[in-house]
Amino acid sequence: MKIFRVGGSVRDELLGLPVKDRDYVVVGATPEAMTALGFRPVGKDFPVFLHPKTAEEYALARTERKSGRGYKGFVVQADPDVTLDEDLARRDLTINAMALGEDGTLIDPFGGERDLRAGVLRHVSAAFVEDPVRVLRLARFAARFGFHVAEDTYALMRHMVDTGEVDHLVPERVWQEVSRGLMEARPSVMFGVLAECGALPRIAPEWADALDARHALARDTLVAVDRAAEHGASLPVRFAIVAHRLGQQLDALCERLRVPNDCRDLARVCHEGAATVRLAATLTPEEIVSLFQQADAFRRTARFELALEVLAIEDGEPPNVYAPAVHLRRALAATQSVDAAALARIGTPAEIPARIREARVAAVRDALAR
């Protein structure tokens, strides 16, 4: 039995980056031997075990054979005869197909270290085309590291689009990879890679033109989402930046990718209120209160703050000094002095909404007149 550290932790160590999760491959072992040593089995599709003390993952060396369409269409073989090189050969990119022996020796049969130095994302073998998730993962790595994609790898990705392999991606997996890519250092690069290989119109046709860098508005959006990354913005903010301008296509995109409610709802608030927020200084107190009602800002104040952050980032301003946001925060704070519960106890139920609104308008008028 031999144990090797593999994958992302090896790559990140060579790049001088912090190493987070460590994964290991075990060559020459059986499931029975692993459990006898105290490892706890957790894998469903292939034998993976948790170390009895560190809880780190140890997988038996394995090979894969394509048996159907999509990323689940594989037959996995894991037995003591599978070599380390055979296990590494099934991986997606050369930079992820390196291993470290227990003595610290680097095992790099596919030139991953060379590609790291050159800043290249390159497939390990032609088997890359068998798993459509690899298109999304590669785009995400491009957004993380800023590496360029080897042209022969681009050719394989285009082949996967042309043959319909990417059409077998399930919505949950697309969102998982896209959301992770949005949280990388340069999310725009992910969308650029997906557009270049032709995958973007297939996985999210609503974004096909909206995030095509050949269009001026798309360029503005891509610049803004990278700016959001520089600010360390949350996932809902970054998603809203790339989605709220879609108009009527926004709901279709969210349904297609099964976008979480917090991301979807923030994008909707930005779509419905962006133009009005940007005119905040010219709005009457009545119009400001109407904006707050439309955005549900009285109950969802934190979400309204995120919407202001989205628009500030898009306009290239720090959110804390963005003029429309400062104006509206002042007005919203004034409405919080209104005791809606007390007003609700006066008069008939039918009169309550108008009475509360009138009090909030008056509070805004007083605050902005000072």
Protein backbone atom coordinates (compact mmCIF):
# COMPACT_ATOMS: atom_id res chain seq x y z
CA MET A 1 0.00 0.00 0.00
CA LYS A 2 1.30 3.45 -0.98
CA ILE A 3 -0.29 6.80 -0.22
CA PHE A 4 0.05 9.96 -2.33
CA ARG A 5 -1.29 13.47 -1.81
CA VAL A 6 -3.00 14.54 -5.03
CA GLY A 7 -4.96 17.23 -6.82
CA GLY A 8 -5.62 20.79 -5.76
CA SER A 9 -3.48 20.81 -2.62
CA VAL A 10 -0.39 19.87 -4.66
CA ARG A 11 -1.21 22.53 -7.26
CA ASP A 12 -1.76 25.24 -4.67
CA GLU A 13 1.42 24.36 -2.78
CA LEU A 14 3.46 24.70 -5.98
CA LEU A 15 1.80 28.08 -6.58
CA GLY A 16 2.67 29.22 -3.07
CA LEU A 17 -0.99 29.48 -2.11
CA PRO A 18 -2.54 28.40 1.21
CA VAL A 19 -3.36 24.70 1.17
CA LYS A 20 -6.87 24.01 2.41
CA ASP A 21 -8.28 20.55 1.74
CA ARG A 22 -5.85 17.69 1.27
CA ASP A 23 -6.93 14.64 -0.74
CA TYR A 24 -5.06 11.39 -0.97
CA VAL A 25 -4.93 8.41 -3.33
CA VAL A 26 -4.13 4.96 -1.99
CA VAL A 27 -2.48 2.52 -4.40
CA GLY A 28 -2.44 -1.21 -3.78
CA ALA A 29 -5.20 -1.36 -1.18
CA THR A 30 -8.66 -2.89 -0.88
CA PRO A 31 -11.74 -1.56 0.92
CA GLU A 32 -11.31 -4.28 3.49
CA ALA A 33 -7.72 -3.24 4.17
CA MET A 34 -8.78 0.38 4.62
CA THR A 35 -11.55 -0.42 7.10
CA ALA A 36 -9.18 -2.72 8.99
CA LEU A 37 -6.91 0.31 9.51
CA GLY A 38 -9.80 2.30 10.96
CA PHE A 39 -10.74 4.33 7.86
CA ARG A 40 -14.46 5.08 7.55
CA PRO A 41 -16.06 4.48 4.11
CA VAL A 42 -18.12 7.37 2.73
CA GLY A 43 -18.05 7.01 -1.06
CA LYS A 44 -21.16 5.96 -2.94
CA ASP A 45 -19.90 5.79 -6.54
CA PHE A 46 -16.35 4.69 -5.70
CA PRO A 47 -14.38 3.79 -2.56
CA VAL A 48 -13.54 6.90 -0.54
CA PHE A 49 -12.56 6.76 3.12
CA LEU A 50 -12.10 9.25 5.94
CA HIS A 51 -8.92 9.10 7.99
CA PRO A 52 -9.74 7.97 11.55
CA LYS A 53 -7.96 10.99 13.11
CA THR A 54 -7.78 13.82 10.54
CA ALA A 55 -11.05 13.05 8.66
CA GLU A 56 -9.19 13.81 5.40
CA GLU A 57 -10.34 11.91 2.30
CA TYR A 58 -8.43 8.89 1.04
CA ALA A 59 -9.65 7.36 -2.24
CA LEU A 60 -8.56 4.08 -3.71
CA ALA A 61 -6.77 4.49 -7.04
CA ARG A 62 -9.31 4.06 -9.81
CA THR A 63 -10.00 4.26 -13.50
CA GLU A 64 -13.19 5.31 -15.28
CA ARG A 65 -14.89 4.09 -18.43
CA LYS A 66 -17.55 6.11 -20.22
CA SER A 67 -20.90 4.31 -20.20
CA GLY A 68 -23.45 7.04 -20.96
CA ARG A 69 -24.08 10.74 -21.49
CA GLY A 70 -23.44 13.40 -18.88
CA TYR A 71 -21.16 13.58 -15.88
CA LYS A 72 -22.66 10.50 -14.20
CA GLY A 73 -22.24 8.22 -17.19
CA PHE A 74 -19.17 6.32 -15.97
CA VAL A 75 -18.21 2.86 -14.79
CA VAL A 76 -15.56 3.09 -12.06
CA GLN A 77 -12.92 0.45 -11.45
CA ALA A 78 -11.03 0.61 -8.15
CA ASP A 79 -8.76 -2.29 -7.27
CA PRO A 80 -5.19 -2.86 -6.01
CA ASP A 81 -3.84 -3.21 -9.57
CA VAL A 82 -4.69 0.37 -10.62
CA THR A 83 -1.49 2.43 -10.73
CA LEU A 84 -1.00 6.03 -9.67
CA ASP A 85 -0.39 7.12 -13.27
CA GLU A 86 -3.65 5.45 -14.33
CA ASP A 87 -5.50 7.30 -11.56
CA LEU A 88 -3.94 10.65 -12.50
CA ALA A 89 -4.73 10.08 -16.18
CA ARG A 90 -8.49 10.24 -15.50
CA ARG A 91 -8.25 13.78 -14.10
CA ASP A 92 -9.33 16.90 -15.95
CA LEU A 93 -6.35 19.25 -16.19
CA THR A 94 -2.61 18.75 -16.03
CA ILE A 95 -2.33 21.17 -13.11
CA ASN A 96 -4.70 18.92 -11.15
CA ALA A 97 -2.97 15.67 -12.17
CA MET A 98 0.09 15.83 -9.95
CA ALA A 99 0.89 13.91 -6.78
CA LEU A 100 3.33 14.05 -3.89
CA GLY A 101 4.83 10.89 -2.44
CA GLU A 102 5.17 10.40 1.28
CA ASP A 103 8.81 11.49 0.96
CA GLY A 104 7.80 14.73 -0.80
CA THR A 105 8.72 13.57 -4.31
CA LEU A 106 6.63 15.22 -7.04
CA ILE A 107 4.99 12.81 -9.49
CA ASP A 108 4.01 14.75 -12.61
CA PRO A 109 3.46 12.45 -15.61
CA PHE A 110 1.50 15.00 -17.68
CA GLY A 111 3.50 18.21 -17.30
CA GLY A 112 1.34 19.96 -14.74
CA GLU A 113 4.24 21.85 -13.14
CA ARG A 114 5.30 23.14 -16.57
CA ASP A 115 1.76 24.37 -17.26
CA LEU A 116 1.61 26.04 -13.86
CA ARG A 117 4.73 28.02 -14.66
CA ALA A 118 3.36 28.94 -18.08
CA GLY A 119 -0.13 29.79 -16.77
CA VAL A 120 -1.88 27.30 -19.04
CA LEU A 121 -5.03 25.24 -18.53
CA ARG A 122 -4.57 22.06 -20.55
CA HIS A 123 -6.50 18.78 -20.61
CA VAL A 124 -4.77 15.59 -19.49
CA SER A 125 -6.15 13.38 -22.26
CA ALA A 126 -8.86 13.15 -24.89
CA ALA A 127 -11.05 11.64 -22.16
CA PHE A 128 -11.65 15.25 -21.09
CA VAL A 129 -14.65 15.27 -23.45
CA GLU A 130 -16.41 12.54 -21.49
CA ASP A 131 -17.44 14.78 -18.57
CA PRO A 132 -19.26 18.06 -19.39
CA VAL A 133 -18.70 19.42 -15.88
CA ARG A 134 -15.06 19.85 -16.90
CA VAL A 135 -16.04 22.72 -19.18
CA LEU A 136 -17.45 24.58 -16.19
CA ARG A 137 -14.57 23.66 -13.90
CA LEU A 138 -12.00 24.85 -16.42
CA ALA A 139 -13.81 28.17 -16.80
CA ARG A 140 -13.86 28.51 -13.02
CA PHE A 141 -10.14 27.81 -12.75
CA ALA A 142 -9.50 30.42 -15.43
CA ALA A 143 -11.39 32.94 -13.29
CA ARG A 144 -9.40 31.96 -10.22
CA PHE A 145 -5.88 31.90 -11.60
CA GLY A 146 -6.09 34.09 -14.69
CA PHE A 147 -4.52 31.30 -16.78
CA HIS A 148 -5.22 31.03 -20.50
CA VAL A 149 -6.74 27.95 -22.10
CA ALA A 150 -4.63 25.84 -24.44
CA GLU A 151 -6.02 25.96 -27.97
CA ASP A 152 -6.26 22.18 -28.29
CA THR A 153 -8.26 22.17 -25.04
CA TYR A 154 -10.57 24.83 -26.46
CA ALA A 155 -11.03 22.54 -29.47
CA LEU A 156 -12.18 19.70 -27.20
CA MET A 157 -14.58 22.01 -25.39
CA ARG A 158 -16.11 23.17 -28.66
CA HIS A 159 -16.46 19.52 -29.66
CA MET A 160 -18.38 18.85 -26.44
CA VAL A 161 -20.74 21.71 -27.32
CA ASP A 162 -21.17 20.58 -30.93
CA THR A 163 -21.91 16.97 -29.98
CA GLY A 164 -24.43 17.98 -27.30
CA GLU A 165 -22.44 16.62 -24.35
CA VAL A 166 -22.85 19.88 -22.40
CA ASP A 167 -26.62 19.63 -22.85
CA HIS A 168 -26.61 16.80 -20.31
CA LEU A 169 -25.50 19.05 -17.46
CA VAL A 170 -28.14 19.18 -14.73
CA PRO A 171 -29.20 22.63 -13.42
CA GLU A 172 -27.94 22.03 -9.89
CA ARG A 173 -24.42 21.24 -11.10
CA VAL A 174 -24.37 24.21 -13.48
CA TRP A 175 -25.35 26.55 -10.66
CA GLN A 176 -22.84 24.97 -8.31
CA GLU A 177 -19.96 25.67 -10.69
CA VAL A 178 -21.21 29.07 -11.89
CA SER A 179 -21.77 30.29 -8.33
CA ARG A 180 -18.29 29.18 -7.34
CA GLY A 181 -16.89 30.90 -10.41
CA LEU A 182 -18.70 34.11 -9.46
CA MET A 183 -16.79 34.04 -6.17
CA GLU A 184 -13.38 33.79 -7.86
CA ALA A 185 -10.99 36.70 -8.35
CA ARG A 186 -12.10 37.55 -11.90
CA PRO A 187 -15.59 36.18 -12.60
CA SER A 188 -15.66 37.84 -16.02
CA VAL A 189 -13.01 35.39 -17.22
CA MET A 190 -15.32 32.46 -16.52
CA PHE A 191 -18.02 33.92 -18.72
CA GLY A 192 -15.45 34.73 -21.40
CA VAL A 193 -14.25 31.13 -21.54
CA LEU A 194 -17.80 29.77 -21.65
CA ALA A 195 -18.68 32.19 -24.45
CA GLU A 196 -15.51 31.41 -26.41
CA CYS A 197 -16.16 27.66 -26.49
CA GLY A 198 -19.87 28.12 -27.25
CA ALA A 199 -21.11 26.64 -23.97
CA LEU A 200 -22.71 29.80 -22.53
CA PRO A 201 -25.70 29.88 -24.92
CA ARG A 202 -26.32 26.20 -24.18
CA ILE A 203 -26.22 26.29 -20.41
CA ALA A 204 -27.78 29.76 -19.98
CA PRO A 205 -29.09 31.26 -23.23
CA GLU A 206 -30.34 34.29 -21.29
CA TRP A 207 -26.69 35.24 -20.79
CA ALA A 208 -25.60 34.55 -24.38
CA ASP A 209 -25.71 38.21 -25.44
CA ALA A 210 -25.83 39.88 -22.03
CA LEU A 211 -22.37 38.58 -21.14
CA ASP A 212 -20.80 38.58 -24.61
CA ALA A 213 -17.86 40.97 -24.28
CA ARG A 214 -18.35 42.14 -27.88
CA HIS A 215 -21.34 44.19 -26.69
CA ALA A 216 -20.72 47.45 -24.83
CA LEU A 217 -23.36 46.83 -22.14
CA ALA A 218 -21.97 43.34 -21.56
CA ARG A 219 -18.48 44.79 -21.13
CA ASP A 220 -19.82 47.17 -18.50
CA THR A 221 -21.42 44.24 -16.66
CA LEU A 222 -18.26 42.14 -16.80
CA VAL A 223 -16.16 45.03 -15.51
CA ALA A 224 -18.67 45.54 -12.70
CA VAL A 225 -18.66 41.91 -11.55
CA ASP A 226 -14.85 41.96 -11.38
CA ARG A 227 -15.11 45.17 -9.39
CA ALA A 228 -17.51 43.38 -7.03
CA ALA A 229 -14.88 40.67 -6.58
CA GLU A 230 -12.30 43.31 -5.69
CA HIS A 231 -14.70 44.64 -3.05
CA GLY A 232 -15.20 41.12 -1.65
CA ALA A 233 -18.92 41.30 -2.41
CA SER A 234 -21.25 38.46 -1.51
CA LEU A 235 -22.61 35.92 -3.99
CA PRO A 236 -26.10 37.55 -4.17
CA VAL A 237 -24.49 40.90 -5.05
CA ARG A 238 -22.29 39.38 -7.75
CA PHE A 239 -25.19 37.43 -9.22
CA ALA A 240 -27.44 40.50 -9.22
CA ILE A 241 -24.79 42.40 -11.18
CA VAL A 242 -24.71 39.83 -13.98
CA ALA A 243 -28.46 39.12 -13.94
CA HIS A 244 -30.63 42.11 -13.06
CA ARG A 245 -30.35 43.77 -16.47
CA LEU A 246 -31.86 40.71 -18.17
CA GLY A 247 -35.36 42.13 -17.80
CA GLN A 248 -38.04 39.58 -18.52
CA GLN A 249 -35.38 36.91 -19.01
CA LEU A 250 -34.30 37.15 -15.37
CA ASP A 251 -36.97 34.79 -14.08
CA ALA A 252 -36.28 32.34 -16.91
CA LEU A 253 -32.58 32.23 -15.99
CA CYS A 254 -33.32 31.75 -12.31
CA GLU A 255 -35.75 28.95 -13.05
CA ARG A 256 -33.37 27.29 -15.50
CA LEU A 257 -30.44 27.24 -13.06
CA ARG A 258 -32.60 26.87 -9.93
CA VAL A 259 -30.96 29.93 -8.46
CA PRO A 260 -31.36 30.25 -4.66
CA ASN A 261 -34.02 32.66 -3.45
CA ASP A 262 -31.64 35.20 -1.94
CA CYS A 263 -29.78 35.63 -5.23
CA ARG A 264 -32.97 35.68 -7.31
CA ASP A 265 -34.82 38.14 -5.06
CA LEU A 266 -31.94 40.61 -4.90
CA ALA A 267 -31.63 40.56 -8.69
CA ARG A 268 -35.38 41.25 -8.97
CA VAL A 269 -35.19 44.21 -6.58
CA CYS A 270 -32.31 45.67 -8.60
CA HIS A 271 -34.12 45.09 -11.88
CA GLU A 272 -37.29 46.79 -10.66
CA GLY A 273 -35.70 49.69 -8.81
CA ALA A 274 -32.33 50.50 -10.40
CA ALA A 275 -33.49 53.44 -12.51
CA THR A 276 -35.44 54.97 -9.64
CA VAL A 277 -32.58 54.60 -7.14
CA ARG A 278 -30.21 56.39 -9.48
CA LEU A 279 -32.66 59.34 -9.53
CA ALA A 280 -32.92 59.39 -5.74
CA ALA A 281 -31.95 63.06 -5.37
CA THR A 282 -34.83 64.15 -7.63
CA LEU A 283 -37.55 62.02 -6.01
CA THR A 284 -40.33 63.46 -3.89
CA PRO A 285 -40.90 62.03 -0.40
CA GLU A 286 -43.97 60.25 -1.80
CA GLU A 287 -41.89 58.65 -4.55
CA ILE A 288 -39.19 57.61 -2.10
CA VAL A 289 -41.72 55.88 0.14
CA SER A 290 -43.21 54.17 -2.92
CA LEU A 291 -39.72 52.93 -3.83
CA PHE A 292 -39.27 51.53 -0.32
CA GLN A 293 -42.65 49.81 -0.52
CA GLN A 294 -41.90 48.31 -3.92
CA ALA A 295 -38.53 46.99 -2.70
CA ASP A 296 -40.04 45.81 0.62
CA ALA A 297 -37.31 47.89 2.26
CA PHE A 298 -39.21 48.35 5.53
CA ARG A 299 -39.17 44.61 6.22
CA ARG A 300 -36.12 43.59 4.16
CA THR A 301 -33.77 46.43 5.00
CA ALA A 302 -30.63 44.31 4.68
CA ARG A 303 -31.63 43.22 1.17
CA PHE A 304 -32.29 46.84 0.18
CA GLU A 305 -28.79 47.71 1.41
CA LEU A 306 -27.40 44.98 -0.85
CA ALA A 307 -29.30 46.46 -3.78
CA LEU A 308 -27.69 49.81 -3.08
CA GLU A 309 -24.31 48.05 -2.99
CA VAL A 310 -24.99 46.48 -6.40
CA LEU A 311 -25.75 49.84 -8.00
CA ALA A 312 -22.82 51.57 -6.31
CA ILE A 313 -20.42 48.96 -7.64
CA GLU A 314 -21.92 49.22 -11.11
CA ASP A 315 -21.48 53.00 -11.04
CA GLY A 316 -17.90 52.67 -9.82
CA GLU A 317 -18.47 54.24 -6.41
CA PRO A 318 -17.70 52.99 -2.90
CA PRO A 319 -21.05 51.85 -1.45
CA ASN A 320 -20.62 53.90 1.73
CA VAL A 321 -20.35 57.24 -0.16
CA TYR A 322 -22.51 56.47 -3.19
CA ALA A 323 -24.75 59.56 -3.36
CA PRO A 324 -28.11 57.83 -4.11
CA ALA A 325 -27.43 55.33 -1.33
CA VAL A 326 -26.55 58.03 1.20
CA HIS A 327 -29.74 59.92 0.30
CA LEU A 328 -31.96 56.86 0.56
CA ARG A 329 -30.38 55.58 3.76
CA ARG A 330 -31.16 58.91 5.38
CA ALA A 331 -34.77 58.70 4.22
CA LEU A 332 -35.15 55.07 5.27
CA ALA A 333 -33.75 55.79 8.70
CA ALA A 334 -36.33 58.55 9.09
CA THR A 335 -39.20 56.15 8.36
CA GLN A 336 -38.01 53.89 11.15
CA SER A 337 -39.13 56.53 13.64
CA VAL A 338 -42.72 55.88 12.61
CA ASP A 339 -44.50 53.62 15.11
CA ALA A 340 -46.54 51.54 12.70
CA ALA A 341 -47.93 49.38 15.51
CA ALA A 342 -49.30 52.41 17.33
CA LEU A 343 -50.89 53.79 14.17
CA ALA A 344 -52.48 50.40 13.50
CA ARG A 345 -54.44 50.72 16.74
CA ILE A 346 -56.15 53.94 15.56
CA GLY A 347 -59.19 54.01 13.29
CA THR A 348 -60.56 51.25 11.09
CA PRO A 349 -58.43 48.50 9.53
CA ALA A 350 -59.05 49.91 6.05
CA GLU A 351 -57.44 53.21 7.07
CA ILE A 352 -54.24 51.71 8.50
CA PRO A 353 -52.08 51.41 5.34
CA ALA A 354 -52.78 54.98 4.25
CA ARG A 355 -52.15 56.34 7.75
CA ILE A 356 -48.79 54.54 8.03
CA ARG A 357 -47.76 55.65 4.56
CA GLU A 358 -48.70 59.26 5.32
CA ALA A 359 -46.59 59.19 8.49
CA ARG A 360 -43.61 57.76 6.63
CA VAL A 361 -43.88 60.38 3.88
CA ALA A 362 -43.94 63.10 6.53
CA ALA A 363 -40.88 61.62 8.25
CA VAL A 364 -38.96 61.55 4.98
CA ARG A 365 -39.99 65.12 4.15
CA ASP A 366 -38.78 66.35 7.54
CA ALA A 367 -35.49 64.46 7.34
CA LEU A 368 -34.60 65.69 3.85
CA ALA A 369 -35.57 69.27 4.65
CA ARG A 370 -32.92 69.56 7.36
